Amino acid sequence: MDINHYRELVKKEYCDKFNVLLETLVEYNKMFNLTAITQKDDIINKHFIDSCTGEAYFPHGAAVAEIGSGGGFPSLPLKIIRDDLTFTLVESTAKKCRYLDICVDKLGLKGVTVENMRAEDGGKDVKFREKFDCCVARAVARLNTLCEYCMPYVKVGGRFIAYKGDAQEELKEAQRAIKVLGGELEKADPFDLNGEKRTIVVIRKVAHTPKIYPRGQGKERKNPIV
């Protein structure tokens, strides 16, 4: 993982757009409760650069669903550096959806749609179920729960890409969930970001997700697949 490459993209090559994103996040954070990270340098490192680190795992022109978009990470930084990608941002909180729409407008991004809905509802909807080349999530839930939210969105042959910290324990915990939901672990790419352990987990969709999943009614969190 070449962190310096992504640092250059954020701070130099695409600095104008990242500055707009930074200013917008700082402006709306108190109103919309988007992030506990408030120092500008920390936002750049822990949100922007971290978001960019997984970009190599998204095929050119991929249609991507992001689950639990929140403040738009990793989707918005990825879209800035990879305009070939299209995004559907799934977020259950209306005010955060409003913020995402503001960012998309201010940054002039094309091919980004914001959907105000629960992840498990979208995963059951024929409009979204198994319609995406990739699904991505960051800082939403433990991996076994996250797989149940995200795998239903991915086409067979596509990828679920999860941004994690030190993921060894979660990977062991999620082995059965990955298999049950039609996945196969392709890669877990660990790296160090300013002294913090990070991991990009890549799961290949090798079979259709059984119709029972996602189960809904909070079962993904309360009673995760183990």
C-alpha atoms as a PDB file:
ATOM      1  CA  MET A   1       0.000   0.000   0.000  1.00  0.00           C
ATOM      2  CA  ASP A   2       1.649   3.251  -1.161  1.00  0.00           C
ATOM      3  CA  ILE A   3       0.246   5.772   1.311  1.00  0.00           C
ATOM      4  CA  ASN A   4       2.405   8.547  -0.142  1.00  0.00           C
ATOM      5  CA  HIS A   5       0.641   8.116  -3.485  1.00  0.00           C
ATOM      6  CA  TYR A   6      -2.750   8.762  -1.896  1.00  0.00           C
ATOM      7  CA  ARG A   7      -1.339  11.617   0.148  1.00  0.00           C
ATOM      8  CA  GLU A   8      -0.211  13.240  -3.110  1.00  0.00           C
ATOM      9  CA  LEU A   9      -3.648  12.766  -4.673  1.00  0.00           C
ATOM     10  CA  VAL A  10      -5.396  14.411  -1.719  1.00  0.00           C
ATOM     11  CA  LYS A  11      -2.962  17.230  -1.022  1.00  0.00           C
ATOM     12  CA  LYS A  12      -1.804  18.101  -4.536  1.00  0.00           C
ATOM     13  CA  GLU A  13      -3.417  16.540  -7.612  1.00  0.00           C
ATOM     14  CA  TYR A  14      -7.033  16.879  -6.405  1.00  0.00           C
ATOM     15  CA  CYS A  15      -6.452  19.419  -3.633  1.00  0.00           C
ATOM     16  CA  ASP A  16      -9.077  21.909  -4.874  1.00  0.00           C
ATOM     17  CA  LYS A  17     -11.944  19.427  -4.569  1.00  0.00           C
ATOM     18  CA  PHE A  18     -10.666  18.019  -1.299  1.00  0.00           C
ATOM     19  CA  ASN A  19     -10.498  21.549   0.104  1.00  0.00           C
ATOM     20  CA  VAL A  20     -14.151  22.058  -0.851  1.00  0.00           C
ATOM     21  CA  LEU A  21     -15.048  18.766   0.823  1.00  0.00           C
ATOM     22  CA  LEU A  22     -13.082  19.724   3.931  1.00  0.00           C
ATOM     23  CA  GLU A  23     -14.748  23.124   4.209  1.00  0.00           C
ATOM     24  CA  THR A  24     -18.206  21.608   3.699  1.00  0.00           C
ATOM     25  CA  LEU A  25     -17.636  18.913   6.308  1.00  0.00           C
ATOM     26  CA  VAL A  26     -16.408  21.426   8.879  1.00  0.00           C
ATOM     27  CA  GLU A  27     -19.313  23.779   8.118  1.00  0.00           C
ATOM     28  CA  TYR A  28     -22.066  21.174   8.479  1.00  0.00           C
ATOM     29  CA  ASN A  29     -20.574  18.832  11.054  1.00  0.00           C
ATOM     30  CA  LYS A  30     -22.115  20.415  14.153  1.00  0.00           C
ATOM     31  CA  MET A  31     -25.521  20.622  12.501  1.00  0.00           C
ATOM     32  CA  PHE A  32     -25.577  17.091  11.094  1.00  0.00           C
ATOM     33  CA  ASN A  33     -23.311  15.182  13.539  1.00  0.00           C
ATOM     34  CA  LEU A  34     -21.162  13.708  10.776  1.00  0.00           C
ATOM     35  CA  THR A  35     -17.872  12.915  12.511  1.00  0.00           C
ATOM     36  CA  ALA A  36     -16.122  13.084  15.872  1.00  0.00           C
ATOM     37  CA  ILE A  37     -12.890  13.906  14.026  1.00  0.00           C
ATOM     38  CA  THR A  38     -12.732  17.695  13.848  1.00  0.00           C
ATOM     39  CA  GLN A  39      -9.078  18.720  13.412  1.00  0.00           C
ATOM     40  CA  LYS A  40      -8.343  19.464   9.762  1.00  0.00           C
ATOM     41  CA  ASP A  41      -5.143  17.405   9.592  1.00  0.00           C
ATOM     42  CA  ASP A  42      -6.963  14.457  11.164  1.00  0.00           C
ATOM     43  CA  ILE A  43      -9.822  14.784   8.684  1.00  0.00           C
ATOM     44  CA  ILE A  44      -7.342  14.708   5.812  1.00  0.00           C
ATOM     45  CA  ASN A  45      -5.493  11.655   7.147  1.00  0.00           C
ATOM     46  CA  LYS A  46      -8.231   9.638   8.845  1.00  0.00           C
ATOM     47  CA  HIS A  47     -11.052  10.330   6.394  1.00  0.00           C
ATOM     48  CA  PHE A  48      -9.700  11.484   3.028  1.00  0.00           C
ATOM     49  CA  ILE A  49      -6.462   9.511   2.650  1.00  0.00           C
ATOM     50  CA  ASP A  50      -7.906   6.440   4.372  1.00  0.00           C
ATOM     51  CA  SER A  51     -10.884   6.497   1.998  1.00  0.00           C
ATOM     52  CA  CYS A  52      -8.613   6.545  -1.040  1.00  0.00           C
ATOM     53  CA  THR A  53      -6.561   3.521  -0.005  1.00  0.00           C
ATOM     54  CA  GLY A  54      -9.044   0.951  -1.340  1.00  0.00           C
ATOM     55  CA  GLU A  55      -9.425   2.428  -4.816  1.00  0.00           C
ATOM     56  CA  ALA A  56      -7.363  -0.270  -6.560  1.00  0.00           C
ATOM     57  CA  TYR A  57     -10.013  -2.880  -5.739  1.00  0.00           C
ATOM     58  CA  PHE A  58     -12.777  -1.129  -7.695  1.00  0.00           C
ATOM     59  CA  PRO A  59     -12.821  -2.160 -11.383  1.00  0.00           C
ATOM     60  CA  HIS A  60     -12.920   0.595 -13.989  1.00  0.00           C
ATOM     61  CA  GLY A  61     -16.455   1.891 -14.501  1.00  0.00           C
ATOM     62  CA  ALA A  62     -17.865  -0.080 -11.570  1.00  0.00           C
ATOM     63  CA  ALA A  63     -21.334   0.642 -10.199  1.00  0.00           C
ATOM     64  CA  VAL A  64     -20.837   0.901  -6.431  1.00  0.00           C
ATOM     65  CA  ALA A  65     -23.297   0.830  -3.536  1.00  0.00           C
ATOM     66  CA  GLU A  66     -22.091   2.367  -0.291  1.00  0.00           C
ATOM     67  CA  ILE A  67     -23.879   1.206   2.855  1.00  0.00           C
ATOM     68  CA  GLY A  68     -24.172   3.573   5.827  1.00  0.00           C
ATOM     69  CA  SER A  69     -22.660   6.511   3.986  1.00  0.00           C
ATOM     70  CA  GLY A  70     -22.758   8.940   6.936  1.00  0.00           C
ATOM     71  CA  GLY A  71     -20.344  11.714   6.043  1.00  0.00           C
ATOM     72  CA  GLY A  72     -19.585  10.154   2.660  1.00  0.00           C
ATOM     73  CA  PHE A  73     -16.523   8.075   3.418  1.00  0.00           C
ATOM     74  CA  PRO A  74     -15.086   6.405   1.463  1.00  0.00           C
ATOM     75  CA  SER A  75     -17.452   7.255  -1.399  1.00  0.00           C
ATOM     76  CA  LEU A  76     -16.822  10.982  -1.878  1.00  0.00           C
ATOM     77  CA  PRO A  77     -12.989  10.823  -1.807  1.00  0.00           C
ATOM     78  CA  LEU A  78     -13.114   7.781  -4.089  1.00  0.00           C
ATOM     79  CA  LYS A  79     -15.368   9.613  -6.539  1.00  0.00           C
ATOM     80  CA  ILE A  80     -13.001  12.588  -6.561  1.00  0.00           C
ATOM     81  CA  ILE A  81     -10.010  10.457  -7.587  1.00  0.00           C
ATOM     82  CA  ARG A  82     -11.983   7.896  -9.638  1.00  0.00           C
ATOM     83  CA  ASP A  83     -14.595   9.722 -11.680  1.00  0.00           C
ATOM     84  CA  ASP A  84     -15.161   6.524 -13.703  1.00  0.00           C
ATOM     85  CA  LEU A  85     -17.018   5.027 -10.728  1.00  0.00           C
ATOM     86  CA  THR A  86     -20.736   5.570 -10.142  1.00  0.00           C
ATOM     87  CA  PHE A  87     -22.147   5.524  -6.611  1.00  0.00           C
ATOM     88  CA  THR A  88     -25.437   4.867  -4.892  1.00  0.00           C
ATOM     89  CA  LEU A  89     -25.121   6.114  -1.313  1.00  0.00           C
ATOM     90  CA  VAL A  90     -27.425   4.306   1.120  1.00  0.00           C
ATOM     91  CA  GLU A  91     -28.023   6.261   4.332  1.00  0.00           C
ATOM     92  CA  SER A  92     -30.927   5.892   6.783  1.00  0.00           C
ATOM     93  CA  THR A  93     -30.630   9.333   8.438  1.00  0.00           C
ATOM     94  CA  ALA A  94     -32.380  12.081   6.460  1.00  0.00           C
ATOM     95  CA  LYS A  95     -30.166  14.953   7.618  1.00  0.00           C
ATOM     96  CA  LYS A  96     -27.039  13.059   6.565  1.00  0.00           C
ATOM     97  CA  CYS A  97     -28.616  12.453   3.171  1.00  0.00           C
ATOM     98  CA  ARG A  98     -29.163  16.195   2.920  1.00  0.00           C
ATOM     99  CA  TYR A  99     -25.484  16.769   3.679  1.00  0.00           C
ATOM    100  CA  LEU A 100     -24.445  14.220   1.039  1.00  0.00           C
ATOM    101  CA  ASP A 101     -26.624  15.964  -1.554  1.00  0.00           C
ATOM    102  CA  ILE A 102     -24.973  19.284  -0.635  1.00  0.00           C
ATOM    103  CA  CYS A 103     -21.510  17.769  -1.124  1.00  0.00           C
ATOM    104  CA  VAL A 104     -22.425  16.225  -4.465  1.00  0.00           C
ATOM    105  CA  ASP A 105     -23.722  19.614  -5.628  1.00  0.00           C
ATOM    106  CA  LYS A 106     -20.768  21.640  -4.353  1.00  0.00           C
ATOM    107  CA  LEU A 107     -18.232  19.233  -5.836  1.00  0.00           C
ATOM    108  CA  GLY A 108     -20.096  18.990  -9.146  1.00  0.00           C
ATOM    109  CA  LEU A 109     -20.081  15.202  -9.027  1.00  0.00           C
ATOM    110  CA  LYS A 110     -21.925  13.240 -11.698  1.00  0.00           C
ATOM    111  CA  GLY A 111     -23.098   9.675 -11.283  1.00  0.00           C
ATOM    112  CA  VAL A 112     -23.766   9.887  -7.541  1.00  0.00           C
ATOM    113  CA  THR A 113     -27.239   9.112  -6.157  1.00  0.00           C
ATOM    114  CA  VAL A 114     -28.261   9.419  -2.511  1.00  0.00           C
ATOM    115  CA  GLU A 115     -30.907   6.998  -1.202  1.00  0.00           C
ATOM    116  CA  ASN A 116     -32.550   7.685   2.177  1.00  0.00           C
ATOM    117  CA  MET A 117     -33.303   4.121   3.298  1.00  0.00           C
ATOM    118  CA  ARG A 118     -32.192   1.395   5.655  1.00  0.00           C
ATOM    119  CA  ALA A 119     -29.548  -0.970   4.328  1.00  0.00           C
ATOM    120  CA  GLU A 120     -31.699  -4.051   4.948  1.00  0.00           C
ATOM    121  CA  ASP A 121     -34.626  -2.524   3.032  1.00  0.00           C
ATOM    122  CA  GLY A 122     -32.475  -1.798   0.002  1.00  0.00           C
ATOM    123  CA  GLY A 123     -31.006  -5.294   0.136  1.00  0.00           C
ATOM    124  CA  LYS A 124     -34.511  -6.742  -0.300  1.00  0.00           C
ATOM    125  CA  ASP A 125     -35.572  -4.307  -3.033  1.00  0.00           C
ATOM    126  CA  VAL A 126     -35.365  -5.690  -6.599  1.00  0.00           C
ATOM    127  CA  LYS A 127     -34.151  -2.249  -7.717  1.00  0.00           C
ATOM    128  CA  PHE A 128     -30.956  -2.707  -5.714  1.00  0.00           C
ATOM    129  CA  ARG A 129     -30.538  -6.403  -4.921  1.00  0.00           C
ATOM    130  CA  GLU A 130     -27.559  -7.928  -6.751  1.00  0.00           C
ATOM    131  CA  LYS A 131     -27.388  -4.928  -9.092  1.00  0.00           C
ATOM    132  CA  PHE A 132     -23.911  -3.601  -8.204  1.00  0.00           C
ATOM    133  CA  ASP A 133     -20.385  -4.505  -9.262  1.00  0.00           C
ATOM    134  CA  CYS A 134     -19.149  -3.536  -5.801  1.00  0.00           C
ATOM    135  CA  CYS A 135     -20.500  -2.673  -2.390  1.00  0.00           C
ATOM    136  CA  VAL A 136     -18.427  -0.748   0.141  1.00  0.00           C
ATOM    137  CA  ALA A 137     -18.758   0.158   3.807  1.00  0.00           C
ATOM    138  CA  ARG A 138     -16.559   1.838   6.395  1.00  0.00           C
ATOM    139  CA  ALA A 139     -17.029   2.070  10.176  1.00  0.00           C
ATOM    140  CA  VAL A 140     -20.591   0.714  10.150  1.00  0.00           C
ATOM    141  CA  ALA A 141     -20.612  -2.622  12.024  1.00  0.00           C
ATOM    142  CA  ARG A 142     -18.592  -5.758  12.717  1.00  0.00           C
ATOM    143  CA  LEU A 143     -17.762  -7.743   9.606  1.00  0.00           C
ATOM    144  CA  ASN A 144     -20.276 -10.583  10.048  1.00  0.00           C
ATOM    145  CA  THR A 145     -23.104  -8.063  10.451  1.00  0.00           C
ATOM    146  CA  LEU A 146     -21.719  -5.921   7.648  1.00  0.00           C
ATOM    147  CA  CYS A 147     -21.671  -8.877   5.257  1.00  0.00           C
ATOM    148  CA  GLU A 148     -25.397  -9.392   5.762  1.00  0.00           C
ATOM    149  CA  TYR A 149     -26.078  -5.724   5.036  1.00  0.00           C
ATOM    150  CA  CYS A 150     -23.803  -5.504   1.998  1.00  0.00           C
ATOM    151  CA  MET A 151     -23.546  -8.842   0.181  1.00  0.00           C
ATOM    152  CA  PRO A 152     -27.172  -8.767  -1.068  1.00  0.00           C
ATOM    153  CA  TYR A 153     -26.339  -5.678  -3.156  1.00  0.00           C
ATOM    154  CA  VAL A 154     -23.466  -7.339  -5.046  1.00  0.00           C
ATOM    155  CA  LYS A 155     -23.770  -9.180  -8.357  1.00  0.00           C
ATOM    156  CA  VAL A 156     -22.297 -12.661  -8.580  1.00  0.00           C
ATOM    157  CA  GLY A 157     -18.703 -12.048  -9.653  1.00  0.00           C
ATOM    158  CA  GLY A 158     -18.599  -8.658  -7.912  1.00  0.00           C
ATOM    159  CA  ARG A 159     -16.903  -7.563  -4.708  1.00  0.00           C
ATOM    160  CA  PHE A 160     -17.758  -6.414  -1.227  1.00  0.00           C
ATOM    161  CA  ILE A 161     -15.001  -4.100   0.034  1.00  0.00           C
ATOM    162  CA  ALA A 162     -14.870  -3.340   3.755  1.00  0.00           C
ATOM    163  CA  TYR A 163     -12.641  -0.717   5.356  1.00  0.00           C
ATOM    164  CA  LYS A 164     -11.509  -1.985   8.757  1.00  0.00           C
ATOM    165  CA  GLY A 165      -8.918  -1.473  11.471  1.00  0.00           C
ATOM    166  CA  ASP A 166      -7.046  -4.539  12.701  1.00  0.00           C
ATOM    167  CA  ALA A 167      -9.404  -7.116  11.180  1.00  0.00           C
ATOM    168  CA  GLN A 168      -7.931 -10.483  12.229  1.00  0.00           C
ATOM    169  CA  GLU A 169     -10.540 -11.221  14.910  1.00  0.00           C
ATOM    170  CA  GLU A 170     -13.449 -10.030  12.763  1.00  0.00           C
ATOM    171  CA  LEU A 171     -12.301 -12.130   9.808  1.00  0.00           C
ATOM    172  CA  LYS A 172     -12.338 -15.280  11.947  1.00  0.00           C
ATOM    173  CA  GLU A 173     -15.726 -14.315  13.360  1.00  0.00           C
ATOM    174  CA  ALA A 174     -17.184 -13.715   9.881  1.00  0.00           C
ATOM    175  CA  GLN A 175     -16.038 -16.892   8.127  1.00  0.00           C
ATOM    176  CA  ARG A 176     -19.451 -18.546   8.211  1.00  0.00           C
ATOM    177  CA  ALA A 177     -21.331 -15.352   7.313  1.00  0.00           C
ATOM    178  CA  ILE A 178     -19.139 -14.831   4.263  1.00  0.00           C
ATOM    179  CA  LYS A 179     -19.860 -18.362   3.013  1.00  0.00           C
ATOM    180  CA  VAL A 180     -23.590 -18.384   3.846  1.00  0.00           C
ATOM    181  CA  LEU A 181     -24.133 -15.066   2.048  1.00  0.00           C
ATOM    182  CA  GLY A 182     -22.447 -16.247  -1.154  1.00  0.00           C
ATOM    183  CA  GLY A 183     -18.978 -14.856  -0.616  1.00  0.00           C
ATOM    184  CA  GLU A 184     -15.377 -15.972  -0.597  1.00  0.00           C
ATOM    185  CA  LEU A 185     -12.515 -14.055   0.992  1.00  0.00           C
ATOM    186  CA  GLU A 186     -10.330 -12.740  -1.817  1.00  0.00           C
ATOM    187  CA  LYS A 187      -7.872 -10.653   0.158  1.00  0.00           C
ATOM    188  CA  ALA A 188      -7.268  -8.886   3.452  1.00  0.00           C
ATOM    189  CA  ASP A 189      -4.757  -6.105   2.832  1.00  0.00           C
ATOM    190  CA  PRO A 190      -3.295  -4.730   6.104  1.00  0.00           C
ATOM    191  CA  PHE A 191      -1.349  -1.474   6.216  1.00  0.00           C
ATOM    192  CA  ASP A 192      -0.262   1.257   8.591  1.00  0.00           C
ATOM    193  CA  LEU A 193      -1.737   4.748   8.346  1.00  0.00           C
ATOM    194  CA  ASN A 194       0.046   7.223  10.601  1.00  0.00           C
ATOM    195  CA  GLY A 195       0.598   4.581  13.257  1.00  0.00           C
ATOM    196  CA  GLU A 196      -2.904   3.086  13.061  1.00  0.00           C
ATOM    197  CA  LYS A 197      -3.575  -0.442  11.832  1.00  0.00           C
ATOM    198  CA  ARG A 198      -5.928  -0.518   8.873  1.00  0.00           C
ATOM    199  CA  THR A 199      -7.185  -3.349   6.644  1.00  0.00           C
ATOM    200  CA  ILE A 200      -9.001  -3.446   3.326  1.00  0.00           C
ATOM    201  CA  VAL A 201     -11.073  -6.640   3.274  1.00  0.00           C
ATOM    202  CA  VAL A 202     -12.110  -7.830  -0.200  1.00  0.00           C
ATOM    203  CA  ILE A 203     -14.810 -10.487  -0.501  1.00  0.00           C
ATOM    204  CA  ARG A 204     -15.706 -11.954  -3.891  1.00  0.00           C
ATOM    205  CA  LYS A 205     -19.372 -12.796  -4.548  1.00  0.00           C
ATOM    206  CA  VAL A 206     -19.321 -16.376  -5.884  1.00  0.00           C
ATOM    207  CA  ALA A 207     -22.982 -17.361  -5.412  1.00  0.00           C
ATOM    208  CA  HIS A 208     -26.371 -15.718  -5.043  1.00  0.00           C
ATOM    209  CA  THR A 209     -27.284 -14.545  -1.538  1.00  0.00           C
ATOM    210  CA  PRO A 210     -30.179 -16.657  -0.172  1.00  0.00           C
ATOM    211  CA  LYS A 211     -33.468 -14.747  -0.282  1.00  0.00           C
ATOM    212  CA  ILE A 212     -33.859 -14.831   3.504  1.00  0.00           C
ATOM    213  CA  TYR A 213     -30.986 -12.337   3.839  1.00  0.00           C
ATOM    214  CA  PRO A 214     -30.895  -9.618   4.986  1.00  0.00           C
ATOM    215  CA  ARG A 215     -33.304 -10.704   7.735  1.00  0.00           C
ATOM    216  CA  GLY A 216     -34.292  -7.198   8.894  1.00  0.00           C
ATOM    217  CA  GLN A 217     -35.827  -6.102  12.201  1.00  0.00           C
ATOM    218  CA  GLY A 218     -32.350  -5.566  13.613  1.00  0.00           C
ATOM    219  CA  LYS A 219     -31.430  -9.264  13.503  1.00  0.00           C
ATOM    220  CA  GLU A 220     -28.231  -8.491  11.565  1.00  0.00           C
ATOM    221  CA  ARG A 221     -26.828  -6.768  14.668  1.00  0.00           C
ATOM    222  CA  LYS A 222     -28.684  -8.531  17.480  1.00  0.00           C
ATOM    223  CA  ASN A 223     -28.180 -12.058  16.169  1.00  0.00           C
ATOM    224  CA  PRO A 224     -25.366 -11.997  13.594  1.00  0.00           C
ATOM    225  CA  ILE A 225     -24.445 -15.072  11.572  1.00  0.00           C
ATOM    226  CA  VAL A 226     -21.726 -16.976  13.452  1.00  0.00           C
END
